[in-house]
C-alpha atoms as a PDB file:
ATOM      1  CA  MET A   1      93.595  89.935 115.104  1.00  0.00           C
ATOM      2  CA  ARG A   2      97.085  89.741 113.637  1.00  0.00           C
ATOM      3  CA  LEU A   3      97.870  86.860 115.998  1.00  0.00           C
ATOM      4  CA  PHE A   4      94.961  84.758 114.745  1.00  0.00           C
ATOM      5  CA  LEU A   5      95.777  85.539 111.133  1.00  0.00           C
ATOM      6  CA  GLY A   6      99.386  84.500 111.788  1.00  0.00           C
ATOM      7  CA  ILE A   7      98.277  81.224 113.363  1.00  0.00           C
ATOM      8  CA  ILE A   8      95.996  80.422 110.418  1.00  0.00           C
ATOM      9  CA  VAL A   9      98.650  81.298 107.827  1.00  0.00           C
ATOM     10  CA  GLY A  10     101.254  79.271 109.732  1.00  0.00           C
ATOM     11  CA  ALA A  11      99.010  76.213 109.878  1.00  0.00           C
ATOM     12  CA  CYS A  12      98.252  76.481 106.158  1.00  0.00           C
ATOM     13  CA  LEU A  13     101.958  76.803 105.318  1.00  0.00           C
ATOM     14  CA  THR A  14     102.811  73.788 107.464  1.00  0.00           C
ATOM     15  CA  ILE A  15     100.137  71.587 105.896  1.00  0.00           C
ATOM     16  CA  GLY A  16     101.027  72.818 102.418  1.00  0.00           C
ATOM     17  CA  ALA A  17     104.737  72.129 102.942  1.00  0.00           C
ATOM     18  CA  ALA A  18     104.010  68.599 104.198  1.00  0.00           C
ATOM     19  CA  TYR A  19     101.718  67.942 101.228  1.00  0.00           C
ATOM     20  CA  ILE A  20     104.297  69.187  98.718  1.00  0.00           C
ATOM     21  CA  HIS A  21     107.087  67.208 100.382  1.00  0.00           C
ATOM     22  CA  ASP A  22     105.027  64.013 100.375  1.00  0.00           C
ATOM     23  CA  ASN A  23     104.010  64.381  96.726  1.00  0.00           C
ATOM     24  CA  TRP A  24     107.523  65.140  95.482  1.00  0.00           C
ATOM     25  CA  THR A  25     109.169  62.287  97.414  1.00  0.00           C
ATOM     26  CA  PRO A  26     109.922  59.364  95.070  1.00  0.00           C
ATOM     27  CA  ALA A  27     108.498  55.958  95.893  1.00  0.00           C
ATOM     28  CA  ALA A  28     110.666  52.959  96.758  1.00  0.00           C
ATOM     29  CA  THR A  29     111.877  51.061  93.717  1.00  0.00           C
ATOM     30  CA  THR A  30     112.975  47.476  93.413  1.00  0.00           C
ATOM     31  CA  THR A  31     115.547  46.535  90.789  1.00  0.00           C
ATOM     32  CA  GLY A  32     116.704  42.953  90.715  1.00  0.00           C
ATOM     33  CA  SER A  33     117.623  41.863  94.219  1.00  0.00           C
ATOM     34  CA  SER A  34     118.164  45.331  95.706  1.00  0.00           C
ATOM     35  CA  THR A  35     115.567  47.765  96.939  1.00  0.00           C
ATOM     36  CA  THR A  36     116.368  51.439  97.198  1.00  0.00           C
ATOM     37  CA  LEU A  37     114.980  53.021 100.302  1.00  0.00           C
ATOM     38  CA  ALA A  38     112.866  56.087  99.848  1.00  0.00           C
ATOM     39  CA  HIS A  39     111.643  58.605 102.332  1.00  0.00           C
ATOM     40  CA  ARG A  40     108.390  57.677 103.967  1.00  0.00           C
ATOM     41  CA  PRO A  41     105.614  60.251 103.641  1.00  0.00           C
ATOM     42  CA  MET A  42     105.184  62.558 106.607  1.00  0.00           C
ATOM     43  CA  VAL A  43     101.393  62.292 106.457  1.00  0.00           C
ATOM     44  CA  ASN A  44      99.111  59.421 105.506  1.00  0.00           C
ATOM     45  CA  TRP A  45      96.842  61.428 103.209  1.00  0.00           C
ATOM     46  CA  ASP A  46      94.301  58.599 102.868  1.00  0.00           C
ATOM     47  CA  VAL A  47      93.661  58.771 106.617  1.00  0.00           C
ATOM     48  CA  VAL A  48      93.484  62.576 106.507  1.00  0.00           C
ATOM     49  CA  GLY A  49      90.951  62.378 103.668  1.00  0.00           C
ATOM     50  CA  ALA A  50      88.817  59.834 105.523  1.00  0.00           C
ATOM     51  CA  ASN A  51      88.887  61.919 108.719  1.00  0.00           C
ATOM     52  CA  TRP A  52      88.009  65.085 106.792  1.00  0.00           C
ATOM     53  CA  SER A  53      85.083  63.332 105.086  1.00  0.00           C
ATOM     54  CA  GLY A  54      83.834  62.084 108.446  1.00  0.00           C
ATOM     55  CA  LEU A  55      84.078  65.575 109.921  1.00  0.00           C
ATOM     56  CA  GLN A  56      82.149  67.045 106.986  1.00  0.00           C
ATOM     57  CA  GLN A  57      79.438  64.395 107.292  1.00  0.00           C
ATOM     58  CA  ARG A  58      79.027  65.001 111.045  1.00  0.00           C
ATOM     59  CA  ALA A  59      78.865  68.761 110.460  1.00  0.00           C
ATOM     60  CA  ARG A  60      76.147  68.314 107.824  1.00  0.00           C
ATOM     61  CA  GLU A  61      74.128  66.032 110.119  1.00  0.00           C
ATOM     62  CA  THR A  62      74.479  68.457 113.031  1.00  0.00           C
ATOM     63  CA  TRP A  63      73.500  71.424 110.844  1.00  0.00           C
ATOM     64  CA  THR A  64      70.461  69.555 109.536  1.00  0.00           C
ATOM     65  CA  ALA A  65      69.363  68.584 113.054  1.00  0.00           C
ATOM     66  CA  LEU A  66      69.888  72.133 114.317  1.00  0.00           C
ATOM     67  CA  SER A  67      67.993  73.690 111.422  1.00  0.00           C
ATOM     68  CA  HIS A  68      65.063  71.305 111.989  1.00  0.00           C
ATOM     69  CA  LYS A  69      64.933  72.260 115.672  1.00  0.00           C
ATOM     70  CA  ILE A  70      65.011  75.963 114.865  1.00  0.00           C
ATOM     71  CA  SER A  71      62.305  75.754 112.185  1.00  0.00           C
ATOM     72  CA  SER A  72      59.977  73.588 114.299  1.00  0.00           C
END
């Protein structure tokens, strides 16, 4: 049980650290003819959000289909 709890906590810490790092990283700025390079984000959060929404939608559809089969 402790192993599974450790895996879950570790995954949450990793995702949280990546999210914090990406949000606190300054964006690239252009001043005159020079552009300062900034760190690129580690995670494309728009893609993560779209994938998460798709997963939630599929889970809802599967749950609805399963509940209709059970109640019929």
